[in-house]
């Protein structure tokens, strides 16, 4: 089964990657901003919790650079495909 690649398909892939990137960034920001408010008065538990939150934030941030790079590559590809589609219509 052949897969048809066109500008619309690539735009959808870009949109999906941008949503993933936004959600990762949002989750990391939320963890960083809300975590310090948990466990006030229980410093030992708070420190353990903040350590876990920092590990989570690191894990959420790790794929962001690759997603940004892939979005850029897809944007370049969609430009080329649009040129090809335009040339085939002319």
C-alpha atoms as a PDB file:
ATOM      1  CA  UNK A   1       0.000   0.000   0.000  1.00  0.00           C
ATOM      2  CA  UNK A   2       1.494   3.284  -1.115  1.00  0.00           C
ATOM      3  CA  UNK A   3       1.300   6.269   1.174  1.00  0.00           C
ATOM      4  CA  UNK A   4       0.487   9.601  -0.397  1.00  0.00           C
ATOM      5  CA  UNK A   5       2.560  12.469   0.929  1.00  0.00           C
ATOM      6  CA  UNK A   6       1.275  15.931   0.265  1.00  0.00           C
ATOM      7  CA  UNK A   7       1.456  19.325   1.905  1.00  0.00           C
ATOM      8  CA  UNK A   8      -1.706  18.699   3.934  1.00  0.00           C
ATOM      9  CA  UNK A   9      -0.285  15.485   5.408  1.00  0.00           C
ATOM     10  CA  UNK A  10       2.966  17.215   6.336  1.00  0.00           C
ATOM     11  CA  UNK A  11       1.098  20.182   7.820  1.00  0.00           C
ATOM     12  CA  UNK A  12      -0.821  17.720  10.005  1.00  0.00           C
ATOM     13  CA  UNK A  13       2.471  16.159  11.171  1.00  0.00           C
ATOM     14  CA  UNK A  14       3.830  19.612  11.996  1.00  0.00           C
ATOM     15  CA  UNK A  15       0.670  20.429  13.939  1.00  0.00           C
ATOM     16  CA  UNK A  16       0.925  17.195  15.899  1.00  0.00           C
ATOM     17  CA  UNK A  17       4.577  17.822  16.756  1.00  0.00           C
ATOM     18  CA  UNK A  18       3.799  21.399  17.826  1.00  0.00           C
ATOM     19  CA  UNK A  19       1.011  20.155  20.108  1.00  0.00           C
ATOM     20  CA  UNK A  20       3.380  17.608  21.682  1.00  0.00           C
ATOM     21  CA  UNK A  21       6.018  20.272  22.205  1.00  0.00           C
ATOM     22  CA  UNK A  22       3.497  22.655  23.777  1.00  0.00           C
ATOM     23  CA  UNK A  23       2.175  19.948  26.117  1.00  0.00           C
ATOM     24  CA  UNK A  24       5.693  18.976  27.244  1.00  0.00           C
ATOM     25  CA  UNK A  25       6.565  22.609  27.904  1.00  0.00           C
ATOM     26  CA  UNK A  26       3.287  23.190  29.734  1.00  0.00           C
ATOM     27  CA  UNK A  27       3.716  20.126  31.947  1.00  0.00           C
ATOM     28  CA  UNK A  28       7.275  21.112  32.870  1.00  0.00           C
ATOM     29  CA  UNK A  29       6.218  24.684  33.660  1.00  0.00           C
ATOM     30  CA  UNK A  30       3.296  23.520  35.789  1.00  0.00           C
ATOM     31  CA  UNK A  31       5.484  21.128  37.768  1.00  0.00           C
ATOM     32  CA  UNK A  32       8.097  23.792  38.368  1.00  0.00           C
ATOM     33  CA  UNK A  33       5.611  26.434  39.476  1.00  0.00           C
ATOM     34  CA  UNK A  34       3.329  24.300  41.655  1.00  0.00           C
ATOM     35  CA  UNK A  35       5.790  21.885  43.266  1.00  0.00           C
ATOM     36  CA  UNK A  36       7.305  24.336  45.797  1.00  0.00           C
ATOM     37  CA  UNK A  37       3.840  24.830  47.364  1.00  0.00           C
ATOM     38  CA  UNK A  38       3.460  21.157  48.302  1.00  0.00           C
ATOM     39  CA  UNK A  39       4.503  19.917  51.724  1.00  0.00           C
ATOM     40  CA  UNK A  40       5.078  23.260  53.395  1.00  0.00           C
ATOM     41  CA  UNK A  41       6.233  22.543  56.942  1.00  0.00           C
ATOM     42  CA  UNK A  42       7.638  19.112  56.073  1.00  0.00           C
ATOM     43  CA  UNK A  43      11.025  20.027  54.691  1.00  0.00           C
ATOM     44  CA  UNK A  44      12.443  16.481  54.400  1.00  0.00           C
ATOM     45  CA  UNK A  45       9.413  15.256  52.416  1.00  0.00           C
ATOM     46  CA  UNK A  46       9.420  18.449  50.369  1.00  0.00           C
ATOM     47  CA  UNK A  47      13.070  17.997  49.386  1.00  0.00           C
ATOM     48  CA  UNK A  48      12.442  14.416  48.245  1.00  0.00           C
ATOM     49  CA  UNK A  49       9.379  15.527  46.328  1.00  0.00           C
ATOM     50  CA  UNK A  50      11.221  18.401  44.656  1.00  0.00           C
ATOM     51  CA  UNK A  51      13.974  15.992  43.619  1.00  0.00           C
ATOM     52  CA  UNK A  52      11.406  13.794  41.905  1.00  0.00           C
ATOM     53  CA  UNK A  53       9.790  16.827  40.277  1.00  0.00           C
ATOM     54  CA  UNK A  54      13.179  17.946  38.939  1.00  0.00           C
ATOM     55  CA  UNK A  55      13.721  14.502  37.423  1.00  0.00           C
ATOM     56  CA  UNK A  56      10.282  14.705  35.801  1.00  0.00           C
ATOM     57  CA  UNK A  57      10.991  18.169  34.409  1.00  0.00           C
ATOM     58  CA  UNK A  58      14.296  16.948  32.975  1.00  0.00           C
ATOM     59  CA  UNK A  59      12.493  14.034  31.302  1.00  0.00           C
ATOM     60  CA  UNK A  60       9.855  16.377  29.880  1.00  0.00           C
ATOM     61  CA  UNK A  61      12.476  18.777  28.529  1.00  0.00           C
ATOM     62  CA  UNK A  62      14.683  16.086  26.956  1.00  0.00           C
ATOM     63  CA  UNK A  63      12.673  15.499  23.734  1.00  0.00           C
ATOM     64  CA  UNK A  64      11.879  19.167  23.147  1.00  0.00           C
ATOM     65  CA  UNK A  65      15.014  19.951  21.121  1.00  0.00           C
ATOM     66  CA  UNK A  66      14.417  16.964  18.847  1.00  0.00           C
ATOM     67  CA  UNK A  67      10.797  17.997  18.336  1.00  0.00           C
ATOM     68  CA  UNK A  68      11.888  21.537  17.427  1.00  0.00           C
ATOM     69  CA  UNK A  69      14.416  20.152  14.951  1.00  0.00           C
ATOM     70  CA  UNK A  70      11.840  17.796  13.435  1.00  0.00           C
ATOM     71  CA  UNK A  71       9.308  20.609  13.089  1.00  0.00           C
ATOM     72  CA  UNK A  72      11.915  22.636  11.199  1.00  0.00           C
ATOM     73  CA  UNK A  73      12.690  19.695   8.924  1.00  0.00           C
ATOM     74  CA  UNK A  74       8.992  19.114   8.252  1.00  0.00           C
ATOM     75  CA  UNK A  75       8.509  22.806   7.486  1.00  0.00           C
ATOM     76  CA  UNK A  76      11.333  22.628   4.946  1.00  0.00           C
ATOM     77  CA  UNK A  77       9.823  19.478   3.454  1.00  0.00           C
ATOM     78  CA  UNK A  78       6.347  20.992   3.198  1.00  0.00           C
ATOM     79  CA  UNK A  79       7.833  23.964   1.329  1.00  0.00           C
ATOM     80  CA  UNK A  80       9.458  21.629  -1.195  1.00  0.00           C
ATOM     81  CA  UNK A  81       6.279  19.564  -1.587  1.00  0.00           C
ATOM     82  CA  UNK A  82       4.229  22.734  -2.141  1.00  0.00           C
ATOM     83  CA  UNK A  83       6.653  23.805  -4.876  1.00  0.00           C
ATOM     84  CA  UNK A  84       6.343  20.386  -6.501  1.00  0.00           C
ATOM     85  CA  UNK A  85       2.536  20.449  -6.216  1.00  0.00           C
ATOM     86  CA  UNK A  86       2.449  23.939  -7.704  1.00  0.00           C
ATOM     87  CA  UNK A  87       4.730  22.917 -10.570  1.00  0.00           C
ATOM     88  CA  UNK A  88       2.593  19.865 -11.364  1.00  0.00           C
ATOM     89  CA  UNK A  89      -0.577  21.998 -11.451  1.00  0.00           C
ATOM     90  CA  UNK A  90       0.953  24.578 -13.820  1.00  0.00           C
END
